[in-house]
């Protein structure tokens, strides 16, 4: 028996339940990623509010009048990205299961969504680093 043969000889590779379970695990990982982005976005959005409350307790009225600043927009953006990740994960999973069922799934295809998400988060990280250096 070669390494490329299916150990379950009575079913074709597309019908092997392990392939569907792997697709399900990938789908659940994308859901976790989306939820983590939404949770982190909520924390970032509320961090400006926390800083404002902290400055009010330290009786620094000139700092208390500031708005929450970019943390609100960055946090809201992360929540929106998390929602988009979950929606695209659902659509990708439906498409992948359909391709597996029909036998048209291509092995070794890079995940466009993962590449786009990585580039967006890298850009956000660079922007955040510039902001942190600029504000001090």
Protein backbone atom coordinates (compact mmCIF):
# COMPACT_ATOMS: atom_id res chain seq x y z
CA UNK A 1 0.00 0.00 0.00
CA UNK A 2 1.55 3.31 -1.12
CA UNK A 3 1.45 6.48 0.89
CA UNK A 4 -0.91 8.11 -1.61
CA UNK A 5 -3.54 5.39 -1.33
CA UNK A 6 -6.60 5.71 0.83
CA UNK A 7 -6.56 3.22 3.74
CA UNK A 8 -10.33 3.02 3.43
CA UNK A 9 -10.40 1.30 0.01
CA UNK A 10 -14.18 1.23 -0.37
CA UNK A 11 -14.59 5.05 -0.51
CA UNK A 12 -12.89 7.57 -2.79
CA UNK A 13 -10.63 10.19 -1.23
CA UNK A 14 -13.32 12.88 -1.55
CA UNK A 15 -15.66 10.77 0.60
CA UNK A 16 -13.12 10.13 3.36
CA UNK A 17 -14.65 11.63 6.53
CA UNK A 18 -11.23 12.77 7.74
CA UNK A 19 -11.10 15.28 4.87
CA UNK A 20 -14.42 16.77 5.98
CA UNK A 21 -13.29 16.79 9.62
CA UNK A 22 -10.14 18.68 8.58
CA UNK A 23 -12.29 21.22 6.73
CA UNK A 24 -14.46 21.55 9.83
CA UNK A 25 -11.39 22.15 12.03
CA UNK A 26 -10.17 24.84 9.65
CA UNK A 27 -13.60 26.46 9.71
CA UNK A 28 -13.62 26.46 13.53
CA UNK A 29 -10.13 27.97 13.59
CA UNK A 30 -11.34 30.82 11.38
CA UNK A 31 -14.30 31.36 13.72
CA UNK A 32 -11.90 31.53 16.69
CA UNK A 33 -9.80 34.07 14.81
CA UNK A 34 -12.84 36.22 14.07
CA UNK A 35 -14.04 36.07 17.67
CA UNK A 36 -10.56 36.96 18.95
CA UNK A 37 -10.44 39.97 16.62
CA UNK A 38 -13.85 41.12 17.82
CA UNK A 39 -12.90 40.69 21.48
CA UNK A 40 -9.59 42.48 21.03
CA UNK A 41 -11.35 45.25 19.11
CA UNK A 42 -13.77 45.72 21.99
CA UNK A 43 -10.89 45.97 24.47
CA UNK A 44 -9.03 48.47 22.28
CA UNK A 45 -12.15 50.58 21.77
CA UNK A 46 -12.79 50.73 25.51
CA UNK A 47 -9.15 51.42 26.39
CA UNK A 48 -9.54 55.12 25.51
CA UNK A 49 -12.52 55.31 27.85
CA UNK A 50 -10.43 53.72 30.59
CA UNK A 51 -7.65 56.28 30.07
CA UNK A 52 -10.16 59.13 30.22
CA UNK A 53 -11.61 57.82 33.48
CA UNK A 54 -8.12 57.36 34.90
CA UNK A 55 -7.15 60.93 34.04
CA UNK A 56 -10.32 62.24 35.71
CA UNK A 57 -9.42 60.41 38.93
CA UNK A 58 -5.95 61.91 38.88
CA UNK A 59 -7.60 65.35 38.74
CA UNK A 60 -6.10 66.38 35.46
CA UNK A 61 -9.00 68.23 33.86
CA UNK A 62 -7.05 69.16 30.73
CA UNK A 63 -6.68 65.45 29.89
CA UNK A 64 -10.26 64.61 30.87
CA UNK A 65 -11.73 66.69 28.07
CA UNK A 66 -10.07 64.64 25.33
CA UNK A 67 -12.10 62.10 23.44
CA UNK A 68 -11.20 58.43 23.35
CA UNK A 69 -8.96 59.15 20.39
CA UNK A 70 -7.95 56.59 17.81
CA UNK A 71 -8.64 53.65 20.12
CA UNK A 72 -12.37 53.88 19.40
CA UNK A 73 -11.83 53.79 15.63
CA UNK A 74 -9.13 51.13 15.75
CA UNK A 75 -11.23 48.96 18.06
CA UNK A 76 -14.33 49.37 15.92
CA UNK A 77 -12.26 48.51 12.85
CA UNK A 78 -11.03 45.33 14.51
CA UNK A 79 -14.59 44.33 15.42
CA UNK A 80 -15.66 44.88 11.79
CA UNK A 81 -12.68 42.85 10.53
CA UNK A 82 -13.66 40.06 12.96
CA UNK A 83 -17.21 40.05 11.60
CA UNK A 84 -15.90 39.95 8.02
CA UNK A 85 -13.58 37.06 8.92
CA UNK A 86 -16.50 35.06 10.32
CA UNK A 87 -18.74 35.75 7.33
CA UNK A 88 -16.00 34.89 4.84
CA UNK A 89 -15.14 31.76 6.85
CA UNK A 90 -18.72 30.54 6.54
CA UNK A 91 -18.76 31.22 2.80
CA UNK A 92 -15.35 29.56 2.28
CA UNK A 93 -16.43 26.51 4.28
CA UNK A 94 -19.62 26.09 2.25
CA UNK A 95 -17.64 26.42 -1.00
CA UNK A 96 -14.95 23.98 0.18
CA UNK A 97 -17.44 21.31 1.24
CA UNK A 98 -19.21 21.69 -2.11
CA UNK A 99 -15.88 21.31 -3.95
CA UNK A 100 -15.01 18.24 -1.87
CA UNK A 101 -18.42 16.70 -2.60
CA UNK A 102 -18.12 17.27 -6.34
CA UNK A 103 -14.43 16.35 -6.54
CA UNK A 104 -13.28 19.74 -7.86
CA UNK A 105 -11.23 20.75 -4.81
CA UNK A 106 -7.65 21.73 -5.71
CA UNK A 107 -4.82 20.67 -3.41
CA UNK A 108 -2.21 23.25 -2.44
CA UNK A 109 -4.25 26.34 -3.21
CA UNK A 110 -3.21 29.25 -0.93
CA UNK A 111 -5.87 30.79 1.25
CA UNK A 112 -6.65 34.25 -0.12
CA UNK A 113 -8.54 35.18 3.04
CA UNK A 114 -5.58 34.28 5.26
CA UNK A 115 -3.17 36.32 3.13
CA UNK A 116 -5.52 39.33 3.08
CA UNK A 117 -6.09 39.12 6.85
CA UNK A 118 -2.35 38.85 7.51
CA UNK A 119 -1.65 41.92 5.35
CA UNK A 120 -4.44 43.93 7.01
CA UNK A 121 -3.22 43.06 10.49
CA UNK A 122 0.38 43.83 9.51
CA UNK A 123 -0.72 47.26 8.24
CA UNK A 124 -2.67 47.86 11.45
CA UNK A 125 0.38 46.83 13.48
CA UNK A 126 2.63 49.22 11.58
CA UNK A 127 0.08 52.00 12.06
CA UNK A 128 -0.17 51.23 15.77
CA UNK A 129 3.63 51.21 16.15
CA UNK A 130 3.87 54.60 14.43
CA UNK A 131 1.12 55.95 16.68
CA UNK A 132 2.83 54.67 19.83
CA UNK A 133 6.14 56.26 18.85
CA UNK A 134 4.45 59.50 17.82
CA UNK A 135 2.31 59.93 20.99
CA UNK A 136 4.78 58.80 23.69
